[in-house]
Amino acid sequence: KVARQLREKTDCARVCVGVWGYEVPHAHIHLVPTNFMA
């Protein structure tokens, strides 16, 4: 739901997803608006 909101509101090509799991001891998902592989 949030990724769709981000894509629409930021007009990005894709929202990339990351789950690292070490930086905070609480499960979480990173959503990053992107336009290019770089």
PDB file of all heavy atoms in Angstrom:
ATOM      1  N   LYS A   1       0.834  -1.203   0.000  1.00  0.00           N
ATOM      2  CA  LYS A   1       0.000   0.000   0.000  1.00  0.00           C
ATOM      3  C   LYS A   1       0.869   1.254   0.000  1.00  0.00           C
ATOM      4  O   LYS A   1       0.616   2.199  -0.748  1.00  0.00           O
ATOM      5  CB  LYS A   1      -0.919   0.018   1.231  1.00  0.00           C
ATOM      6  CG  LYS A   1      -2.045  -0.968   1.180  1.00  0.00           C
ATOM      7  CD  LYS A   1      -2.861  -0.909   2.459  1.00  0.00           C
ATOM      8  CE  LYS A   1      -3.931  -1.998   2.439  1.00  0.00           C
ATOM      9  NZ  LYS A   1      -4.706  -2.019   3.686  1.00  0.00           N
ATOM     10  N   VAL A   2       1.877   1.257   0.847  1.00  0.00           N
ATOM     11  CA  VAL A   2       2.744   2.422   0.956  1.00  0.00           C
ATOM     12  C   VAL A   2       3.570   2.593  -0.316  1.00  0.00           C
ATOM     13  O   VAL A   2       3.755   3.721  -0.801  1.00  0.00           O
ATOM     14  CB  VAL A   2       3.645   2.317   2.208  1.00  0.00           C
ATOM     15  CG1 VAL A   2       4.636   3.464   2.267  1.00  0.00           C
ATOM     16  CG2 VAL A   2       2.790   2.286   3.475  1.00  0.00           C
ATOM     17  N   ALA A   3       4.051   1.496  -0.892  1.00  0.00           N
ATOM     18  CA  ALA A   3       4.826   1.577  -2.136  1.00  0.00           C
ATOM     19  C   ALA A   3       3.999   2.188  -3.259  1.00  0.00           C
ATOM     20  O   ALA A   3       4.498   3.008  -4.037  1.00  0.00           O
ATOM     21  CB  ALA A   3       5.338   0.193  -2.531  1.00  0.00           C
ATOM     22  N   ARG A   4       2.738   1.814  -3.335  1.00  0.00           N
ATOM     23  CA  ARG A   4       1.856   2.398  -4.364  1.00  0.00           C
ATOM     24  C   ARG A   4       1.692   3.896  -4.124  1.00  0.00           C
ATOM     25  O   ARG A   4       1.706   4.687  -5.063  1.00  0.00           O
ATOM     26  CB  ARG A   4       0.508   1.702  -4.357  1.00  0.00           C
ATOM     27  CG  ARG A   4       0.566   0.328  -4.976  1.00  0.00           C
ATOM     28  CD  ARG A   4      -0.789  -0.348  -4.919  1.00  0.00           C
ATOM     29  NE  ARG A   4      -0.698  -1.612  -5.633  1.00  0.00           N
ATOM     30  CZ  ARG A   4      -1.646  -2.096  -6.399  1.00  0.00           C
ATOM     31  NH1 ARG A   4      -2.785  -1.453  -6.548  1.00  0.00           N
ATOM     32  NH2 ARG A   4      -1.484  -3.244  -7.011  1.00  0.00           N
ATOM     33  N   GLN A   5       1.524   4.271  -2.887  1.00  0.00           N
ATOM     34  CA  GLN A   5       1.396   5.684  -2.526  1.00  0.00           C
ATOM     35  C   GLN A   5       2.685   6.428  -2.901  1.00  0.00           C
ATOM     36  O   GLN A   5       2.623   7.517  -3.487  1.00  0.00           O
ATOM     37  CB  GLN A   5       1.121   5.791  -1.027  1.00  0.00           C
ATOM     38  CG  GLN A   5       0.994   7.183  -0.473  1.00  0.00           C
ATOM     39  CD  GLN A   5       0.691   7.167   1.016  1.00  0.00           C
ATOM     40  OE1 GLN A   5       0.073   6.252   1.541  1.00  0.00           O
ATOM     41  NE2 GLN A   5       1.142   8.193   1.714  1.00  0.00           N
ATOM     42  N   LEU A   6       3.836   5.860  -2.587  1.00  0.00           N
ATOM     43  CA  LEU A   6       5.112   6.497  -2.913  1.00  0.00           C
ATOM     44  C   LEU A   6       5.288   6.657  -4.419  1.00  0.00           C
ATOM     45  O   LEU A   6       5.715   7.714  -4.898  1.00  0.00           O
ATOM     46  CB  LEU A   6       6.285   5.673  -2.360  1.00  0.00           C
ATOM     47  CG  LEU A   6       6.525   5.753  -0.865  1.00  0.00           C
ATOM     48  CD1 LEU A   6       7.571   4.731  -0.446  1.00  0.00           C
ATOM     49  CD2 LEU A   6       6.964   7.156  -0.472  1.00  0.00           C
ATOM     50  N   ARG A   7       4.973   5.608  -5.155  1.00  0.00           N
ATOM     51  CA  ARG A   7       5.151   5.660  -6.610  1.00  0.00           C
ATOM     52  C   ARG A   7       4.274   6.747  -7.222  1.00  0.00           C
ATOM     53  O   ARG A   7       4.701   7.507  -8.084  1.00  0.00           O
ATOM     54  CB  ARG A   7       4.843   4.303  -7.224  1.00  0.00           C
ATOM     55  CG  ARG A   7       5.196   4.249  -8.696  1.00  0.00           C
ATOM     56  CD  ARG A   7       5.079   2.847  -9.219  1.00  0.00           C
ATOM     57  NE  ARG A   7       5.486   2.813 -10.620  1.00  0.00           N
ATOM     58  CZ  ARG A   7       5.142   1.863 -11.449  1.00  0.00           C
ATOM     59  NH1 ARG A   7       4.420   0.837 -11.035  1.00  0.00           N
ATOM     60  NH2 ARG A   7       5.539   1.903 -12.696  1.00  0.00           N
ATOM     61  N   GLU A   8       3.036   6.815  -6.761  1.00  0.00           N
ATOM     62  CA  GLU A   8       2.107   7.815  -7.283  1.00  0.00           C
ATOM     63  C   GLU A   8       2.536   9.230  -6.904  1.00  0.00           C
ATOM     64  O   GLU A   8       2.561  10.129  -7.748  1.00  0.00           O
ATOM     65  CB  GLU A   8       0.701   7.537  -6.740  1.00  0.00           C
ATOM     66  CG  GLU A   8      -0.326   8.552  -7.174  1.00  0.00           C
ATOM     67  CD  GLU A   8      -1.684   8.296  -6.536  1.00  0.00           C
ATOM     68  OE1 GLU A   8      -2.109   7.131  -6.459  1.00  0.00           O
ATOM     69  OE2 GLU A   8      -2.307   9.293  -6.109  1.00  0.00           O
ATOM     70  N   LYS A   9       2.886   9.439  -5.649  1.00  0.00           N
ATOM     71  CA  LYS A   9       3.164  10.790  -5.155  1.00  0.00           C
ATOM     72  C   LYS A   9       4.550  11.298  -5.546  1.00  0.00           C
ATOM     73  O   LYS A   9       4.751  12.508  -5.655  1.00  0.00           O
ATOM     74  CB  LYS A   9       3.015  10.841  -3.632  1.00  0.00           C
ATOM     75  CG  LYS A   9       1.659  10.433  -3.121  1.00  0.00           C
ATOM     76  CD  LYS A   9       0.616  11.469  -3.378  1.00  0.00           C
ATOM     77  CE  LYS A   9      -0.709  11.019  -2.771  1.00  0.00           C
ATOM     78  NZ  LYS A   9      -1.657  12.073  -2.632  1.00  0.00           N
ATOM     79  N   THR A  10       5.532  10.392  -5.735  1.00  0.00           N
ATOM     80  CA  THR A  10       6.877  10.835  -6.112  1.00  0.00           C
ATOM     81  C   THR A  10       7.100  10.732  -7.608  1.00  0.00           C
ATOM     82  O   THR A  10       8.124  11.189  -8.102  1.00  0.00           O
ATOM     83  CB  THR A  10       7.972  10.019  -5.400  1.00  0.00           C
ATOM     84  OG1 THR A  10       7.929   8.659  -5.851  1.00  0.00           O
ATOM     85  CG2 THR A  10       7.843  10.104  -3.890  1.00  0.00           C
ATOM     86  N   ASP A  11       6.170  10.119  -8.322  1.00  0.00           N
ATOM     87  CA  ASP A  11       6.273   9.932  -9.762  1.00  0.00           C
ATOM     88  C   ASP A  11       7.561   9.205 -10.143  1.00  0.00           C
ATOM     89  O   ASP A  11       8.196   9.512 -11.145  1.00  0.00           O
ATOM     90  CB  ASP A  11       6.162  11.275 -10.491  1.00  0.00           C
ATOM     91  CG  ASP A  11       5.819  11.106 -11.960  1.00  0.00           C
ATOM     92  OD1 ASP A  11       5.092  10.159 -12.301  1.00  0.00           O
ATOM     93  OD2 ASP A  11       6.305  11.914 -12.769  1.00  0.00           O
ATOM     94  N   CYS A  12       7.952   8.230  -9.336  1.00  0.00           N
ATOM     95  CA  CYS A  12       9.152   7.455  -9.627  1.00  0.00           C
ATOM     96  C   CYS A  12       8.799   6.273 -10.534  1.00  0.00           C
ATOM     97  O   CYS A  12       7.632   5.907 -10.666  1.00  0.00           O
ATOM     98  CB  CYS A  12       9.796   6.956  -8.339  1.00  0.00           C
ATOM     99  SG  CYS A  12       8.832   5.736  -7.423  1.00  0.00           S
ATOM    100  N   ALA A  13       9.806   5.679 -11.133  1.00  0.00           N
ATOM    101  CA  ALA A  13       9.588   4.534 -12.009  1.00  0.00           C
ATOM    102  C   ALA A  13       9.278   3.271 -11.196  1.00  0.00           C
ATOM    103  O   ALA A  13       8.410   2.483 -11.576  1.00  0.00           O
ATOM    104  CB  ALA A  13      10.810   4.295 -12.894  1.00  0.00           C
ATOM    105  N   ARG A  14      10.006   3.079 -10.112  1.00  0.00           N
ATOM    106  CA  ARG A  14       9.821   1.910  -9.253  1.00  0.00           C
ATOM    107  C   ARG A  14      10.134   2.264  -7.812  1.00  0.00           C
ATOM    108  O   ARG A  14      10.895   3.185  -7.545  1.00  0.00           O
ATOM    109  CB  ARG A  14      10.758   0.770  -9.670  1.00  0.00           C
ATOM    110  CG  ARG A  14      10.453   0.231 -11.024  1.00  0.00           C
ATOM    111  CD  ARG A  14      11.348  -0.922 -11.361  1.00  0.00           C
ATOM    112  NE  ARG A  14      11.025  -1.317 -12.735  1.00  0.00           N
ATOM    113  CZ  ARG A  14      11.007  -2.545 -13.160  1.00  0.00           C
ATOM    114  NH1 ARG A  14      11.307  -3.521 -12.352  1.00  0.00           N
ATOM    115  NH2 ARG A  14      10.702  -2.817 -14.409  1.00  0.00           N
ATOM    116  N   VAL A  15       9.586   1.468  -6.923  1.00  0.00           N
ATOM    117  CA  VAL A  15       9.949   1.562  -5.515  1.00  0.00           C
ATOM    118  C   VAL A  15      10.714   0.287  -5.186  1.00  0.00           C
ATOM    119  O   VAL A  15      10.177  -0.817  -5.308  1.00  0.00           O
ATOM    120  CB  VAL A  15       8.699   1.711  -4.612  1.00  0.00           C
ATOM    121  CG1 VAL A  15       9.101   1.669  -3.150  1.00  0.00           C
ATOM    122  CG2 VAL A  15       7.955   2.998  -4.934  1.00  0.00           C
ATOM    123  N   CYS A  16      11.981   0.460  -4.833  1.00  0.00           N
ATOM    124  CA  CYS A  16      12.807  -0.695  -4.476  1.00  0.00           C
ATOM    125  C   CYS A  16      12.600  -1.036  -3.006  1.00  0.00           C
ATOM    126  O   CYS A  16      12.212  -0.189  -2.202  1.00  0.00           O
ATOM    127  CB  CYS A  16      14.276  -0.398  -4.751  1.00  0.00           C
ATOM    128  SG  CYS A  16      14.662  -0.340  -6.513  1.00  0.00           S
ATOM    129  N   VAL A  17      12.860  -2.295  -2.684  1.00  0.00           N
ATOM    130  CA  VAL A  17      12.605  -2.818  -1.345  1.00  0.00           C
ATOM    131  C   VAL A  17      13.891  -3.374  -0.756  1.00  0.00           C
ATOM    132  O   VAL A  17      14.653  -4.058  -1.447  1.00  0.00           O
ATOM    133  CB  VAL A  17      11.552  -3.949  -1.399  1.00  0.00           C
ATOM    134  CG1 VAL A  17      11.313  -4.540  -0.027  1.00  0.00           C
ATOM    135  CG2 VAL A  17      10.265  -3.456  -2.008  1.00  0.00           C
ATOM    136  N   GLY A  18      14.110  -3.098   0.521  1.00  0.00           N
ATOM    137  CA  GLY A  18      15.261  -3.658   1.218  1.00  0.00           C
ATOM    138  C   GLY A  18      14.880  -4.075   2.617  1.00  0.00           C
ATOM    139  O   GLY A  18      14.083  -3.409   3.280  1.00  0.00           O
ATOM    140  N   VAL A  19      15.444  -5.190   3.042  1.00  0.00           N
ATOM    141  CA  VAL A  19      15.288  -5.656   4.423  1.00  0.00           C
ATOM    142  C   VAL A  19      16.674  -6.091   4.882  1.00  0.00           C
ATOM    143  O   VAL A  19      17.196  -7.094   4.412  1.00  0.00           O
ATOM    144  CB  VAL A  19      14.300  -6.843   4.534  1.00  0.00           C
ATOM    145  CG1 VAL A  19      14.218  -7.324   5.983  1.00  0.00           C
ATOM    146  CG2 VAL A  19      12.927  -6.467   4.006  1.00  0.00           C
ATOM    147  N   TRP A  20      17.286  -5.293   5.760  1.00  0.00           N
ATOM    148  CA  TRP A  20      18.612  -5.633   6.257  1.00  0.00           C
ATOM    149  C   TRP A  20      18.515  -6.349   7.586  1.00  0.00           C
ATOM    150  O   TRP A  20      19.108  -7.389   7.757  1.00  0.00           O
ATOM    151  CB  TRP A  20      19.481  -4.375   6.397  1.00  0.00           C
ATOM    152  CG  TRP A  20      19.813  -3.785   5.072  1.00  0.00           C
ATOM    153  CD1 TRP A  20      20.886  -4.095   4.290  1.00  0.00           C
ATOM    154  CD2 TRP A  20      19.064  -2.818   4.346  1.00  0.00           C
ATOM    155  NE1 TRP A  20      20.842  -3.362   3.127  1.00  0.00           N
ATOM    156  CE2 TRP A  20      19.732  -2.573   3.132  1.00  0.00           C
ATOM    157  CE3 TRP A  20      17.884  -2.122   4.597  1.00  0.00           C
ATOM    158  CZ2 TRP A  20      19.267  -1.664   2.182  1.00  0.00           C
ATOM    159  CZ3 TRP A  20      17.427  -1.223   3.645  1.00  0.00           C
ATOM    160  CH2 TRP A  20      18.123  -1.009   2.456  1.00  0.00           C
ATOM    161  N   GLY A  21      17.833  -5.757   8.528  1.00  0.00           N
ATOM    162  CA  GLY A  21      17.549  -6.439   9.777  1.00  0.00           C
ATOM    163  C   GLY A  21      18.554  -6.292  10.893  1.00  0.00           C
ATOM    164  O   GLY A  21      18.445  -6.963  11.904  1.00  0.00           O
ATOM    165  N   TYR A  22      19.535  -5.424  10.741  1.00  0.00           N
ATOM    166  CA  TYR A  22      20.514  -5.257  11.812  1.00  0.00           C
ATOM    167  C   TYR A  22      20.483  -3.887  12.474  1.00  0.00           C
ATOM    168  O   TYR A  22      20.816  -3.756  13.636  1.00  0.00           O
ATOM    169  CB  TYR A  22      21.936  -5.504  11.284  1.00  0.00           C
ATOM    170  CG  TYR A  22      22.237  -6.952  11.054  1.00  0.00           C
ATOM    171  CD1 TYR A  22      22.220  -7.480   9.773  1.00  0.00           C
ATOM    172  CD2 TYR A  22      22.529  -7.805  12.110  1.00  0.00           C
ATOM    173  CE1 TYR A  22      22.492  -8.818   9.549  1.00  0.00           C
ATOM    174  CE2 TYR A  22      22.803  -9.143  11.905  1.00  0.00           C
ATOM    175  CZ  TYR A  22      22.789  -9.645  10.621  1.00  0.00           C
ATOM    176  OH  TYR A  22      23.057 -10.956  10.408  1.00  0.00           O
ATOM    177  N   GLU A  23      20.132  -2.857  11.727  1.00  0.00           N
ATOM    178  CA  GLU A  23      20.307  -1.505  12.233  1.00  0.00           C
ATOM    179  C   GLU A  23      19.376  -1.136  13.388  1.00  0.00           C
ATOM    180  O   GLU A  23      19.736  -0.321  14.226  1.00  0.00           O
ATOM    181  CB  GLU A  23      20.235  -0.479  11.097  1.00  0.00           C
ATOM    182  CG  GLU A  23      18.900  -0.380  10.393  1.00  0.00           C
ATOM    183  CD  GLU A  23      18.656  -1.400   9.287  1.00  0.00           C
ATOM    184  OE1 GLU A  23      19.195  -2.507   9.314  1.00  0.00           O
ATOM    185  OE2 GLU A  23      17.855  -1.079   8.401  1.00  0.00           O
ATOM    186  N   VAL A  24      18.193  -1.713  13.454  1.00  0.00           N
ATOM    187  CA  VAL A  24      17.260  -1.481  14.561  1.00  0.00           C
ATOM    188  C   VAL A  24      16.644  -2.840  14.905  1.00  0.00           C
ATOM    189  O   VAL A  24      16.193  -3.549  14.011  1.00  0.00           O
ATOM    190  CB  VAL A  24      16.142  -0.481  14.170  1.00  0.00           C
ATOM    191  CG1 VAL A  24      15.123  -0.342  15.291  1.00  0.00           C
ATOM    192  CG2 VAL A  24      16.730   0.877  13.823  1.00  0.00           C
ATOM    193  N   PRO A  25      16.616  -3.224  16.189  1.00  0.00           N
ATOM    194  CA  PRO A  25      16.055  -4.523  16.558  1.00  0.00           C
ATOM    195  C   PRO A  25      14.528  -4.531  16.547  1.00  0.00           C
ATOM    196  O   PRO A  25      13.871  -4.751  17.573  1.00  0.00           O
ATOM    197  CB  PRO A  25      16.625  -4.767  17.965  1.00  0.00           C
ATOM    198  CG  PRO A  25      16.775  -3.381  18.529  1.00  0.00           C
ATOM    199  CD  PRO A  25      17.151  -2.516  17.351  1.00  0.00           C
ATOM    200  N   HIS A  26      13.972  -4.236  15.393  1.00  0.00           N
ATOM    201  CA  HIS A  26      12.518  -4.184  15.208  1.00  0.00           C
ATOM    202  C   HIS A  26      12.299  -4.412  13.719  1.00  0.00           C
ATOM    203  O   HIS A  26      12.819  -3.657  12.888  1.00  0.00           O
ATOM    204  CB  HIS A  26      12.009  -2.798  15.619  1.00  0.00           C
ATOM    205  CG  HIS A  26      10.523  -2.677  15.723  1.00  0.00           C
ATOM    206  ND1 HIS A  26       9.902  -2.223  16.864  1.00  0.00           N
ATOM    207  CD2 HIS A  26       9.532  -2.922  14.831  1.00  0.00           C
ATOM    208  CE1 HIS A  26       8.590  -2.187  16.661  1.00  0.00           C
ATOM    209  NE2 HIS A  26       8.345  -2.612  15.426  1.00  0.00           N
ATOM    210  N   ALA A  27      11.576  -5.444  13.360  1.00  0.00           N
ATOM    211  CA  ALA A  27      11.357  -5.779  11.949  1.00  0.00           C
ATOM    212  C   ALA A  27      10.876  -4.556  11.183  1.00  0.00           C
ATOM    213  O   ALA A  27      10.042  -3.789  11.684  1.00  0.00           O
ATOM    214  CB  ALA A  27      10.329  -6.904  11.832  1.00  0.00           C
ATOM    215  N   HIS A  28      11.434  -4.372   9.988  1.00  0.00           N
ATOM    216  CA  HIS A  28      11.013  -3.240   9.163  1.00  0.00           C
ATOM    217  C   HIS A  28      11.430  -3.447   7.719  1.00  0.00           C
ATOM    218  O   HIS A  28      12.350  -4.195   7.420  1.00  0.00           O
ATOM    219  CB  HIS A  28      11.547  -1.916   9.693  1.00  0.00           C
ATOM    220  CG  HIS A  28      13.036  -1.825   9.788  1.00  0.00           C
ATOM    221  ND1 HIS A  28      13.777  -2.500  10.741  1.00  0.00           N
ATOM    222  CD2 HIS A  28      13.928  -1.126   9.048  1.00  0.00           C
ATOM    223  CE1 HIS A  28      15.051  -2.215  10.594  1.00  0.00           C
ATOM    224  NE2 HIS A  28      15.181  -1.387   9.552  1.00  0.00           N
ATOM    225  N   ILE A  29      10.715  -2.760   6.840  1.00  0.00           N
ATOM    226  CA  ILE A  29      10.959  -2.826   5.405  1.00  0.00           C
ATOM    227  C   ILE A  29      11.300  -1.424   4.920  1.00  0.00           C
ATOM    228  O   ILE A  29      10.593  -0.467   5.242  1.00  0.00           O
ATOM    229  CB  ILE A  29       9.703  -3.347   4.662  1.00  0.00           C
ATOM    230  CG1 ILE A  29       9.387  -4.784   5.090  1.00  0.00           C
ATOM    231  CG2 ILE A  29       9.887  -3.251   3.149  1.00  0.00           C
ATOM    232  CD1 ILE A  29       8.062  -5.306   4.569  1.00  0.00           C
ATOM    233  N   HIS A  30      12.387  -1.319   4.145  1.00  0.00           N
ATOM    234  CA  HIS A  30      12.764  -0.058   3.513  1.00  0.00           C
ATOM    235  C   HIS A  30      12.107   0.018   2.139  1.00  0.00           C
ATOM    236  O   HIS A  30      12.193  -0.939   1.361  1.00  0.00           O
ATOM    237  CB  HIS A  30      14.284   0.018   3.300  1.00  0.00           C
ATOM    238  CG  HIS A  30      15.081   0.094   4.546  1.00  0.00           C
ATOM    239  ND1 HIS A  30      15.616   1.272   5.004  1.00  0.00           N
ATOM    240  CD2 HIS A  30      15.454  -0.867   5.430  1.00  0.00           C
ATOM    241  CE1 HIS A  30      16.287   1.038   6.121  1.00  0.00           C
ATOM    242  NE2 HIS A  30      16.200  -0.255   6.397  1.00  0.00           N
ATOM    243  N   LEU A  31      11.480   1.125   1.825  1.00  0.00           N
ATOM    244  CA  LEU A  31      10.927   1.401   0.499  1.00  0.00           C
ATOM    245  C   LEU A  31      11.623   2.650  -0.036  1.00  0.00           C
ATOM    246  O   LEU A  31      11.606   3.693   0.624  1.00  0.00           O
ATOM    247  CB  LEU A  31       9.420   1.640   0.569  1.00  0.00           C
ATOM    248  CG  LEU A  31       8.571   0.483   1.103  1.00  0.00           C
ATOM    249  CD1 LEU A  31       7.106   0.908   1.205  1.00  0.00           C
ATOM    250  CD2 LEU A  31       8.710  -0.745   0.226  1.00  0.00           C
ATOM    251  N   VAL A  32      12.246   2.519  -1.216  1.00  0.00           N
ATOM    252  CA  VAL A  32      13.028   3.624  -1.761  1.00  0.00           C
ATOM    253  C   VAL A  32      12.558   3.936  -3.181  1.00  0.00           C
ATOM    254  O   VAL A  32      12.701   3.097  -4.076  1.00  0.00           O
ATOM    255  CB  VAL A  32      14.536   3.290  -1.765  1.00  0.00           C
ATOM    256  CG1 VAL A  32      15.339   4.453  -2.321  1.00  0.00           C
ATOM    257  CG2 VAL A  32      15.017   2.911  -0.366  1.00  0.00           C
ATOM    258  N   PRO A  33      11.996   5.126  -3.400  1.00  0.00           N
ATOM    259  CA  PRO A  33      11.611   5.515  -4.755  1.00  0.00           C
ATOM    260  C   PRO A  33      12.856   5.622  -5.650  1.00  0.00           C
ATOM    261  O   PRO A  33      13.872   6.191  -5.238  1.00  0.00           O
ATOM    262  CB  PRO A  33      10.968   6.893  -4.569  1.00  0.00           C
ATOM    263  CG  PRO A  33      10.558   6.931  -3.134  1.00  0.00           C
ATOM    264  CD  PRO A  33      11.600   6.138  -2.410  1.00  0.00           C
ATOM    265  N   THR A  34      12.776   5.059  -6.855  1.00  0.00           N
ATOM    266  CA  THR A  34      13.904   5.081  -7.789  1.00  0.00           C
ATOM    267  C   THR A  34      13.404   5.339  -9.207  1.00  0.00           C
ATOM    268  O   THR A  34      12.241   5.097  -9.518  1.00  0.00           O
ATOM    269  CB  THR A  34      14.671   3.744  -7.782  1.00  0.00           C
ATOM    270  OG1 THR A  34      13.801   2.709  -8.237  1.00  0.00           O
ATOM    271  CG2 THR A  34      15.199   3.398  -6.401  1.00  0.00           C
ATOM    272  N   ASN A  35      14.326   5.783 -10.040  1.00  0.00           N
ATOM    273  CA  ASN A  35      14.027   5.982 -11.455  1.00  0.00           C
ATOM    274  C   ASN A  35      14.982   5.213 -12.360  1.00  0.00           C
ATOM    275  O   ASN A  35      14.680   5.004 -13.527  1.00  0.00           O
ATOM    276  CB  ASN A  35      14.057   7.467 -11.811  1.00  0.00           C
ATOM    277  CG  ASN A  35      12.844   8.179 -11.260  1.00  0.00           C
ATOM    278  OD1 ASN A  35      11.713   7.832 -11.581  1.00  0.00           O
ATOM    279  ND2 ASN A  35      13.076   9.148 -10.405  1.00  0.00           N
ATOM    280  N   PHE A  36      16.130   4.822 -11.818  1.00  0.00           N
ATOM    281  CA  PHE A  36      17.143   4.117 -12.598  1.00  0.00           C
ATOM    282  C   PHE A  36      17.808   3.070 -11.719  1.00  0.00           C
ATOM    283  O   PHE A  36      17.812   3.189 -10.497  1.00  0.00           O
ATOM    284  CB  PHE A  36      18.212   5.091 -13.108  1.00  0.00           C
ATOM    285  CG  PHE A  36      17.645   6.251 -13.862  1.00  0.00           C
ATOM    286  CD1 PHE A  36      17.454   7.468 -13.237  1.00  0.00           C
ATOM    287  CD2 PHE A  36      17.289   6.119 -15.196  1.00  0.00           C
ATOM    288  CE1 PHE A  36      16.927   8.552 -13.927  1.00  0.00           C
ATOM    289  CE2 PHE A  36      16.752   7.189 -15.894  1.00  0.00           C
ATOM    290  CZ  PHE A  36      16.571   8.407 -15.253  1.00  0.00           C
ATOM    291  N   MET A  37      18.409   2.072 -12.321  1.00  0.00           N
ATOM    292  CA  MET A  37      19.119   1.032 -11.585  1.00  0.00           C
ATOM    293  C   MET A  37      20.199   1.650 -10.691  1.00  0.00           C
ATOM    294  O   MET A  37      20.424   1.193  -9.571  1.00  0.00           O
ATOM    295  CB  MET A  37      19.741   0.032 -12.568  1.00  0.00           C
ATOM    296  CG  MET A  37      20.414  -1.129 -11.911  1.00  0.00           C
ATOM    297  SD  MET A  37      19.182  -2.169 -11.106  1.00  0.00           S
ATOM    298  CE  MET A  37      20.227  -3.419 -10.426  1.00  0.00           C
ATOM    299  N   ALA A  38      20.831   2.707 -11.163  1.00  0.00           N
ATOM    300  CA  ALA A  38      21.886   3.350 -10.385  1.00  0.00           C
ATOM    301  C   ALA A  38      21.374   3.977  -9.089  1.00  0.00           C
ATOM    302  O   ALA A  38      22.154   4.260  -8.178  1.00  0.00           O
ATOM    303  CB  ALA A  38      22.579   4.409 -11.233  1.00  0.00           C
TER     304      ALA A  38
END
